[in-house]
Amino acid sequence: MMSSIMRTAIPGILAFSLLLLVGSSEGQSGRGGGCVTEQRQAGKCVAIRNCAVLRLLLAQVQSGLAPPGSIDRLRRSICHFDRGEPLVCCPESSPLPQVGRPQPAPSTSSSTLPSRCGIRGITDRIIDGVPAPLRAWPWMVVLRGNNGGRSFWFCGGTLISDRYVLTAAHCFKPQLGVTLEFARIGEHNIRQDQDCEFGVCAPPPQDIPVERTIVHPSYGSPCSECNDIALLRLSRKANLDPLYVIPICLPQDPVREMGFSVQQFQGKFAWAAGWGTTARDPAIVSRPSILQQVQLPIQELPYCDFLKKDYPDKNMVLCAGGEGKDTCKGDSGGPLTLTNTVSTRHFLVGVTSLGPTVCGSQDTQGLYTSVHHYLPWIIQTMRP
C-alpha cells in the first residue's frame, strides 16, 4: 500500500522537470541564495517542494485547472539547477494564488452532472487501509447524525455535483433512529480544525444541511438490501475548489469515458475510502481521525455468490475485496472508484453497501451498489 501512496507524490517533480525541457534558463542564484521574482519581489532560490505558492500552482497545472499562463510562470521561476534539480525563486512573503473554481457544466436534457469531474490534486470502515494524502479524495463526504441528543459521524457519501451527494439508502433506515444533521464536504481529519500538508493548508470543510433525502423508491424490495442507494440534495451549492472539493465522474458511457466496459471492471483494482472503524472485531469501535483509503480487487469469489443470492439482477451490485482488506461499519455510503485507462479521471463505480459481520475476514468480500446500473434513476431524480 505504501508504494501506491508514493506514486501519487512523485509525479509533481517529474511534471515540473518536463516543463523545464521545453524552455527555461539557469539563473545566477544558488540554492538558498537571494533572487528576484518576476513580480520584482525579494525571494529565495529553493526546491519547488519547499515553495508552497509555486507547488500549489504546479498542482493546478497537473490537474488541468491552472489559470492561463501558469506554465510560463513556472518556467520563468527557475533560478538555478543544483545537480540536475531545478530550483525556483520563491517569494519570501506572498499569499497563495487564488484558486479558480471549475465552471459548472451546462444542463442537458438527460443530465445535471458536471462535465468537469473526477480530477484530483497531486496526490462502514477500512480494514488494513492507510491514511489518505490530503487532496486525494476531493469528492469525499461524511454525514453527521444525531440520536437521542448525541451527535456522531455515521455514514459516508460522494459528491457528484455541487448540489448532490450519492450514498447508501440503509443509512436512513427509520429503525436506526438517526436524524441527519448535515453533510460535511472537504474534510480530511475529522478531529482537526484545519488540514495542512507540507506547509499548504486546505480551506475549512463545508457543513451543509440536507434539503432532501431521496431514498431509492424500491429500497428493501424484493430483498432486504436491494436498491441500496440514495441521493442527498444539499440546501445550497457546495463551493467547488480545483484542489479540495471536486465532484467525481459517473460512468455514463464506460467504454468511451473509461476505456473499458462494465463487464471489464472485473479483475481491476478499485479504491475505497472512509472514516469507519478499523477494528476487525465487530464489538470494538476504533474510528480513525484521518480519512483511510484501501485498494480492493473487483472480483467474484464464492462468498460473492452468497452475498448476491437474493438479488434478482446480479448486475445491481459489485463484489470487491477478498484479500483480508475491506470496508466496514461506518464506511457505508462511501465510494468505490476506478480511474480511466490513462489515469486522468476518477469514476464512482460502487457505493459501499454491506459485507460480512467480521470485516476483512479472509475470502470474504464487501458488496457495493453498482452506480452504472442506477444511472437512469440518478439522472432522472437530480434537479438543477
Protein backbone atom coordinates (compact mmCIF):
# COMPACT_ATOMS: atom_id res chain seq x y z
CA MET A 1 0.00 0.00 0.00
CA MET A 2 2.84 2.42 0.80
CA SER A 3 4.19 2.18 -2.73
CA SER A 4 0.76 3.22 -4.06
CA ILE A 5 0.88 6.39 -1.98
CA MET A 6 4.41 7.20 -3.07
CA ARG A 7 3.37 7.06 -6.70
CA THR A 8 0.89 9.90 -6.06
CA ALA A 9 3.65 12.14 -4.67
CA ILE A 10 6.40 11.73 -7.26
CA PRO A 11 4.68 12.97 -10.48
CA GLY A 12 4.75 16.58 -9.24
CA ILE A 13 8.52 16.80 -9.54
CA LEU A 14 8.57 14.76 -12.76
CA ALA A 15 6.00 17.02 -14.40
CA PHE A 16 7.99 20.08 -13.37
CA SER A 17 11.12 18.60 -14.90
CA LEU A 18 9.25 18.08 -18.15
CA LEU A 19 8.31 21.75 -18.16
CA LEU A 20 11.97 22.61 -17.96
CA LEU A 21 12.78 20.55 -21.02
CA VAL A 22 10.63 22.76 -23.19
CA GLY A 23 12.20 26.03 -22.21
CA SER A 24 13.95 27.54 -19.19
CA SER A 25 17.26 29.13 -18.39
CA GLU A 26 19.58 28.88 -15.42
CA GLY A 27 19.68 31.91 -13.18
CA GLN A 28 22.56 33.28 -11.14
CA SER A 29 21.41 32.35 -7.64
CA GLY A 30 22.39 29.08 -5.98
CA ARG A 31 20.38 27.00 -3.50
CA GLY A 32 19.25 29.16 -0.60
CA GLY A 33 20.53 32.32 -2.23
CA GLY A 34 18.62 35.52 -2.79
CA CYS A 35 16.75 36.15 -6.04
CA VAL A 36 14.13 38.43 -7.53
CA THR A 37 10.77 37.05 -8.72
CA GLU A 38 9.07 38.11 -11.95
CA GLN A 39 6.84 40.37 -9.82
CA ARG A 40 10.05 42.09 -8.64
CA GLN A 41 9.73 40.70 -5.12
CA ALA A 42 12.61 39.51 -2.96
CA GLY A 43 12.79 35.74 -2.95
CA LYS A 44 14.91 32.73 -2.11
CA CYS A 45 16.13 30.07 -4.55
CA VAL A 46 14.73 26.74 -3.28
CA ALA A 47 13.38 23.39 -4.50
CA ILE A 48 9.78 23.70 -5.65
CA ARG A 49 8.65 21.26 -2.96
CA ASN A 50 9.75 23.88 -0.40
CA CYS A 51 7.78 26.72 -2.02
CA ALA A 52 4.10 26.47 -1.14
CA VAL A 53 2.89 29.10 -3.61
CA LEU A 54 4.60 27.57 -6.66
CA ARG A 55 3.97 23.98 -5.60
CA LEU A 56 0.26 24.74 -5.43
CA LEU A 57 0.43 26.33 -8.88
CA LEU A 58 2.15 23.19 -10.18
CA ALA A 59 -0.64 21.06 -8.69
CA GLN A 60 -3.19 23.17 -10.58
CA VAL A 61 -1.24 22.69 -13.83
CA GLN A 62 -1.16 18.92 -13.28
CA SER A 63 -4.90 18.79 -12.65
CA GLY A 64 -5.65 20.85 -15.77
CA LEU A 65 -7.23 23.64 -13.71
CA ALA A 66 -4.48 26.27 -13.70
CA PRO A 67 -5.04 29.88 -14.77
CA PRO A 68 -3.76 30.86 -18.25
CA GLY A 69 -0.01 31.49 -18.37
CA SER A 70 0.77 29.24 -15.39
CA ILE A 71 3.25 27.05 -17.27
CA ASP A 72 5.17 30.09 -18.47
CA ARG A 73 5.17 31.45 -14.94
CA LEU A 74 6.67 28.20 -13.65
CA ARG A 75 9.35 28.27 -16.36
CA ARG A 76 10.26 31.86 -15.53
CA SER A 77 10.52 31.00 -11.85
CA ILE A 78 13.62 28.83 -12.44
CA CYS A 79 16.61 30.41 -10.74
CA HIS A 80 19.19 27.61 -10.70
CA PHE A 81 19.90 23.92 -11.29
CA ASP A 82 21.55 22.04 -8.43
CA ARG A 83 22.87 18.65 -9.56
CA GLY A 84 20.14 18.49 -12.16
CA GLU A 85 17.37 19.55 -9.77
CA PRO A 86 15.53 22.73 -10.82
CA LEU A 87 15.24 25.42 -8.16
CA VAL A 88 12.65 28.18 -8.18
CA CYS A 89 12.67 31.76 -6.97
CA CYS A 90 10.14 31.58 -4.15
CA PRO A 91 8.70 34.87 -2.85
CA GLU A 92 9.73 35.33 0.77
CA SER A 93 6.29 36.69 1.67
CA SER A 94 3.38 36.16 -0.67
CA PRO A 95 -0.22 34.94 -0.42
CA LEU A 96 -1.11 31.69 -2.13
CA PRO A 97 -2.54 32.11 -5.62
CA GLN A 98 -6.28 32.45 -5.88
CA VAL A 99 -7.65 29.10 -6.89
CA GLY A 100 -10.22 29.34 -9.65
CA ARG A 101 -13.37 27.32 -9.47
CA PRO A 102 -14.46 24.98 -12.25
CA GLN A 103 -17.44 26.31 -14.15
CA PRO A 104 -20.50 24.10 -13.81
CA ALA A 105 -21.44 22.19 -16.90
CA PRO A 106 -24.49 23.44 -18.75
CA SER A 107 -27.56 21.38 -18.03
CA THR A 108 -28.67 18.99 -20.73
CA SER A 109 -31.96 17.25 -21.26
CA SER A 110 -30.51 13.99 -19.93
CA SER A 111 -28.27 15.04 -17.05
CA THR A 112 -27.37 17.69 -14.50
CA LEU A 113 -24.00 16.06 -13.92
CA PRO A 114 -20.91 18.29 -14.23
CA SER A 115 -18.57 17.91 -17.19
CA ARG A 116 -15.53 18.78 -15.05
CA CYS A 117 -15.26 15.97 -12.57
CA GLY A 118 -13.05 13.23 -11.18
CA ILE A 119 -9.79 15.21 -11.26
CA ARG A 120 -7.91 15.15 -8.01
CA GLY A 121 -4.86 17.07 -6.82
CA ILE A 122 -1.39 15.60 -6.61
CA THR A 123 -1.56 13.45 -4.60
CA ASP A 124 -18.70 1.39 7.15
CA ARG A 125 -14.61 1.20 7.96
CA ILE A 126 -11.42 0.49 6.23
CA ILE A 127 -9.63 -2.73 7.21
CA ASP A 128 -5.86 -2.77 6.61
CA GLY A 129 -6.07 0.57 4.83
CA VAL A 130 -3.71 3.52 5.12
CA PRO A 131 -4.21 7.25 5.77
CA ALA A 132 -5.09 9.05 2.56
CA PRO A 133 -2.94 12.00 1.46
CA LEU A 134 -4.56 15.43 1.64
CA ARG A 135 -6.38 16.22 -1.65
CA ALA A 136 -6.57 12.52 -2.62
CA TRP A 137 -10.37 12.35 -2.22
CA PRO A 138 -11.82 15.80 -3.02
CA TRP A 139 -15.30 14.28 -3.62
CA MET A 140 -15.46 12.58 -0.20
CA VAL A 141 -18.40 13.40 2.07
CA VAL A 142 -19.04 12.39 5.69
CA LEU A 143 -22.52 12.56 7.23
CA ARG A 144 -23.26 13.88 10.72
CA GLY A 145 -26.24 12.44 12.56
CA ASN A 146 -27.97 12.71 15.90
CA ASN A 147 -29.59 10.07 18.07
CA GLY A 148 -31.05 10.94 21.45
CA GLY A 149 -29.16 14.21 21.63
CA ARG A 150 -25.81 12.60 20.77
CA SER A 151 -24.12 13.74 17.54
CA PHE A 152 -21.77 11.47 15.62
CA TRP A 153 -20.38 10.68 12.16
CA PHE A 154 -22.35 7.74 10.85
CA CYS A 155 -22.00 7.25 7.06
CA GLY A 156 -20.01 8.35 4.05
CA GLY A 157 -21.05 9.73 0.69
CA THR A 158 -19.68 11.04 -2.58
CA LEU A 159 -20.13 14.48 -4.15
CA ILE A 160 -21.44 14.01 -7.72
CA SER A 161 -22.34 17.65 -8.42
CA ASP A 162 -22.24 20.91 -6.50
CA ARG A 163 -25.74 20.13 -5.18
CA TYR A 164 -25.94 16.33 -4.83
CA VAL A 165 -24.32 13.58 -2.76
CA LEU A 166 -24.69 9.89 -3.57
CA THR A 167 -24.81 7.50 -0.61
CA ALA A 168 -26.45 4.29 0.67
CA ALA A 169 -30.16 4.01 1.44
CA HIS A 170 -29.61 1.83 4.52
CA CYS A 171 -28.00 4.80 6.32
CA PHE A 172 -31.51 6.22 6.68
CA LYS A 173 -33.49 3.24 7.95
CA PRO A 174 -36.16 4.62 10.34
CA GLN A 175 -35.38 1.91 12.91
CA LEU A 176 -31.88 3.33 13.33
CA GLY A 177 -33.36 6.47 14.82
CA VAL A 178 -30.69 8.72 13.31
CA THR A 179 -31.56 12.28 12.34
CA LEU A 180 -29.28 13.68 9.64
CA GLU A 181 -27.75 16.99 10.76
CA PHE A 182 -25.56 17.91 7.80
CA ALA A 183 -23.15 16.69 5.13
CA ARG A 184 -19.52 17.69 5.58
CA ILE A 185 -17.58 18.29 2.37
CA GLY A 186 -13.83 18.87 2.00
CA GLU A 187 -12.87 17.05 5.22
CA HIS A 188 -9.68 15.06 5.84
CA ASN A 189 -9.04 14.87 9.60
CA ILE A 190 -12.33 14.93 11.49
CA ARG A 191 -10.59 15.85 14.78
CA GLN A 192 -8.66 18.79 13.39
CA ASP A 193 -9.95 22.28 12.59
CA GLN A 194 -7.55 22.82 9.69
CA ASP A 195 -5.87 20.22 7.50
CA CYS A 196 -2.34 21.02 6.32
CA GLU A 197 0.34 19.10 4.43
CA PHE A 198 3.85 20.26 3.53
CA GLY A 199 3.02 23.78 4.64
CA VAL A 200 -0.10 24.13 2.46
CA CYS A 201 -3.45 24.21 4.26
CA ALA A 202 -6.85 23.27 2.92
CA PRO A 203 -9.87 25.57 3.22
CA PRO A 204 -12.18 24.78 6.16
CA PRO A 205 -14.63 21.94 5.48
CA GLN A 206 -18.16 22.86 4.46
CA ASP A 207 -21.03 21.75 6.69
CA ILE A 208 -24.16 21.91 4.53
CA PRO A 209 -27.65 20.88 5.73
CA VAL A 210 -29.54 18.46 3.50
CA GLU A 211 -32.65 19.84 1.84
CA ARG A 212 -33.98 16.45 0.82
CA THR A 213 -33.05 12.81 1.38
CA ILE A 214 -34.14 10.74 -1.63
CA VAL A 215 -34.02 7.01 -0.92
CA HIS A 216 -34.47 4.76 -3.95
CA PRO A 217 -38.23 4.04 -4.15
CA SER A 218 -37.61 0.27 -4.32
CA TYR A 219 -35.08 0.07 -1.49
CA GLY A 220 -35.61 -3.11 0.55
CA SER A 221 -37.55 -4.91 -2.20
CA PRO A 222 -37.51 -7.69 -3.29
CA CYS A 223 -34.56 -8.39 -0.94
CA SER A 224 -33.72 -6.61 2.31
CA GLU A 225 -30.82 -4.60 0.87
CA CYS A 226 -31.84 -4.45 -2.78
CA ASN A 227 -31.57 -0.98 -4.37
CA ASP A 228 -29.35 0.29 -1.54
CA ILE A 229 -28.75 3.76 -2.92
CA ALA A 230 -29.87 7.29 -2.05
CA LEU A 231 -29.37 10.87 -3.19
CA LEU A 232 -28.96 13.85 -0.88
CA ARG A 233 -29.89 17.27 -2.25
CA LEU A 234 -27.91 19.90 -0.38
CA SER A 235 -29.68 23.02 0.88
CA ARG A 236 -27.15 25.13 -1.02
CA LYS A 237 -24.44 24.54 -3.60
CA ALA A 238 -21.07 23.36 -2.34
CA ASN A 239 -18.21 25.73 -3.07
CA LEU A 240 -16.12 23.81 -5.60
CA ASP A 241 -12.34 24.09 -5.47
CA PRO A 242 -10.00 22.56 -8.07
CA LEU A 243 -7.79 21.05 -5.36
CA TYR A 244 -10.02 20.27 -2.40
CA VAL A 245 -13.69 19.98 -3.44
CA ILE A 246 -14.42 18.36 -6.81
CA PRO A 247 -17.37 16.17 -7.89
CA ILE A 248 -16.44 12.70 -9.06
CA CYS A 249 -17.43 11.42 -12.52
CA LEU A 250 -20.18 8.86 -13.01
CA PRO A 251 -19.71 6.06 -15.60
CA GLN A 252 -22.38 7.13 -18.08
CA ASP A 253 -20.57 5.56 -21.07
CA PRO A 254 -17.76 3.41 -19.59
CA VAL A 255 -16.25 2.28 -22.89
CA ARG A 256 -15.96 5.82 -24.23
CA GLU A 257 -15.14 7.60 -20.96
CA MET A 258 -13.06 4.97 -19.14
CA GLY A 259 -11.72 2.82 -21.93
CA PHE A 260 -13.38 -0.43 -20.83
CA SER A 261 -16.85 -1.87 -20.27
CA VAL A 262 -18.72 -2.57 -17.02
CA GLN A 263 -18.02 -6.27 -17.54
CA GLN A 264 -14.31 -5.42 -17.61
CA PHE A 265 -14.49 -3.91 -14.12
CA GLN A 266 -13.86 -7.50 -13.04
CA GLY A 267 -10.21 -8.03 -12.22
CA LYS A 268 -9.44 -4.33 -11.79
CA PHE A 269 -8.29 -2.81 -8.51
CA ALA A 270 -10.60 -0.12 -7.17
CA TRP A 271 -10.14 2.33 -4.31
CA ALA A 272 -12.46 2.72 -1.32
CA ALA A 273 -12.27 5.35 1.41
CA GLY A 274 -13.91 6.24 4.71
CA TRP A 275 -13.61 7.15 8.38
CA GLY A 276 -15.26 3.98 9.69
CA THR A 277 -13.87 1.83 12.46
CA THR A 278 -10.69 -0.07 11.61
CA ALA A 279 -11.10 -2.90 14.13
CA ARG A 280 -11.93 -6.35 12.79
CA ASP A 281 -13.84 -7.29 15.97
CA PRO A 282 -17.47 -6.12 15.46
CA ALA A 283 -17.73 -5.41 19.21
CA ILE A 284 -14.93 -2.82 19.04
CA VAL A 285 -15.21 0.64 17.52
CA SER A 286 -11.85 2.11 16.54
CA ARG A 287 -12.58 5.12 14.36
CA PRO A 288 -9.58 6.88 12.77
CA SER A 289 -9.45 10.67 12.67
CA ILE A 290 -7.78 10.76 9.23
CA LEU A 291 -9.58 9.55 6.11
CA GLN A 292 -8.47 6.00 5.26
CA GLN A 293 -8.08 4.52 1.79
CA VAL A 294 -7.68 0.96 0.61
CA GLN A 295 -7.27 -0.74 -2.76
CA LEU A 296 -9.57 -3.68 -3.41
CA PRO A 297 -9.87 -6.10 -6.34
CA ILE A 298 -13.28 -6.22 -8.02
CA GLN A 299 -13.84 -9.96 -8.33
CA GLU A 300 -16.45 -12.61 -7.74
CA LEU A 301 -15.33 -15.19 -5.18
CA PRO A 302 -17.67 -17.89 -3.84
CA TYR A 303 -18.60 -15.52 -0.99
CA CYS A 304 -19.85 -13.06 -3.60
CA ASP A 305 -22.38 -15.65 -4.80
CA PHE A 306 -23.63 -15.88 -1.21
CA LEU A 307 -23.98 -12.11 -0.94
CA LYS A 308 -25.81 -11.85 -4.28
CA LYS A 309 -28.14 -14.82 -3.86
CA ASP A 310 -31.26 -12.75 -3.11
CA TYR A 311 -30.71 -10.12 -5.80
CA PRO A 312 -32.98 -10.63 -8.82
CA ASP A 313 -30.44 -8.93 -11.09
CA LYS A 314 -26.81 -9.71 -10.23
CA ASN A 315 -25.75 -6.52 -12.06
CA MET A 316 -27.30 -4.44 -9.28
CA VAL A 317 -24.17 -4.89 -7.18
CA LEU A 318 -20.39 -5.39 -7.38
CA CYS A 319 -18.21 -7.51 -5.12
CA ALA A 320 -14.78 -6.27 -4.06
CA GLY A 321 -12.11 -7.42 -1.63
CA GLY A 322 -11.23 -10.93 -0.58
CA GLU A 323 -7.59 -10.40 0.39
CA GLY A 324 -8.08 -9.51 4.03
CA LYS A 325 -8.79 -5.85 3.24
CA ASP A 326 -12.27 -4.44 3.41
CA THR A 327 -14.65 -1.59 4.13
CA CYS A 328 -16.95 -1.96 7.12
CA LYS A 329 -19.23 -0.32 9.70
CA GLY A 330 -19.14 3.45 9.35
CA ASP A 331 -17.95 3.36 5.73
CA SER A 332 -21.48 2.72 4.41
CA GLY A 333 -22.43 5.01 1.55
CA GLY A 334 -18.81 5.78 0.71
CA PRO A 335 -17.20 5.44 -2.72
CA LEU A 336 -15.65 2.60 -4.67
CA THR A 337 -13.73 4.20 -7.55
CA LEU A 338 -11.82 3.34 -10.70
CA THR A 339 -9.75 5.55 -13.00
CA ASN A 340 -9.88 5.61 -16.77
CA THR A 341 -7.16 3.81 -18.72
CA VAL A 342 -4.89 6.87 -18.75
CA SER A 343 -5.48 7.63 -15.03
CA THR A 344 -6.63 11.20 -15.64
CA ARG A 345 -10.16 10.94 -14.22
CA HIS A 346 -11.79 9.05 -11.38
CA PHE A 347 -15.19 7.40 -11.67
CA LEU A 348 -17.61 6.30 -8.98
CA VAL A 349 -18.48 2.69 -9.77
CA GLY A 350 -19.83 1.50 -6.41
CA VAL A 351 -21.49 2.64 -3.18
CA THR A 352 -20.47 0.75 -0.02
CA SER A 353 -23.46 -1.37 0.96
CA LEU A 354 -22.87 -4.50 3.10
CA GLY A 355 -20.43 -7.27 3.92
CA PRO A 356 -19.51 -9.96 6.46
CA THR A 357 -20.04 -9.50 10.21
CA VAL A 358 -16.29 -9.73 10.79
CA CYS A 359 -14.92 -7.30 8.24
CA GLY A 360 -11.79 -8.19 6.34
CA SER A 361 -12.00 -11.92 7.05
CA GLN A 362 -10.02 -13.93 4.53
CA ASP A 363 -12.04 -15.00 1.48
CA THR A 364 -14.98 -12.73 2.36
CA GLN A 365 -15.97 -9.67 0.39
CA GLY A 366 -17.92 -6.45 0.56
CA LEU A 367 -20.93 -5.67 -1.58
CA TYR A 368 -21.21 -2.34 -3.44
CA THR A 369 -24.26 -0.95 -5.18
CA SER A 370 -23.39 -0.62 -8.89
CA VAL A 371 -23.60 3.05 -9.84
CA HIS A 372 -23.81 2.34 -13.57
CA HIS A 373 -26.88 0.15 -13.03
CA TYR A 374 -28.69 3.03 -11.30
CA LEU A 375 -27.64 5.87 -13.58
CA PRO A 376 -31.11 6.26 -15.18
CA TRP A 377 -32.65 6.76 -11.72
CA ILE A 378 -29.86 9.12 -10.61
CA ILE A 379 -30.13 11.33 -13.70
CA GLN A 380 -33.95 11.40 -13.68
CA THR A 381 -34.00 12.30 -9.97
CA MET A 382 -31.46 15.12 -9.97
CA ARG A 383 -32.62 18.70 -10.49
CA PRO A 384 -30.60 21.86 -11.29
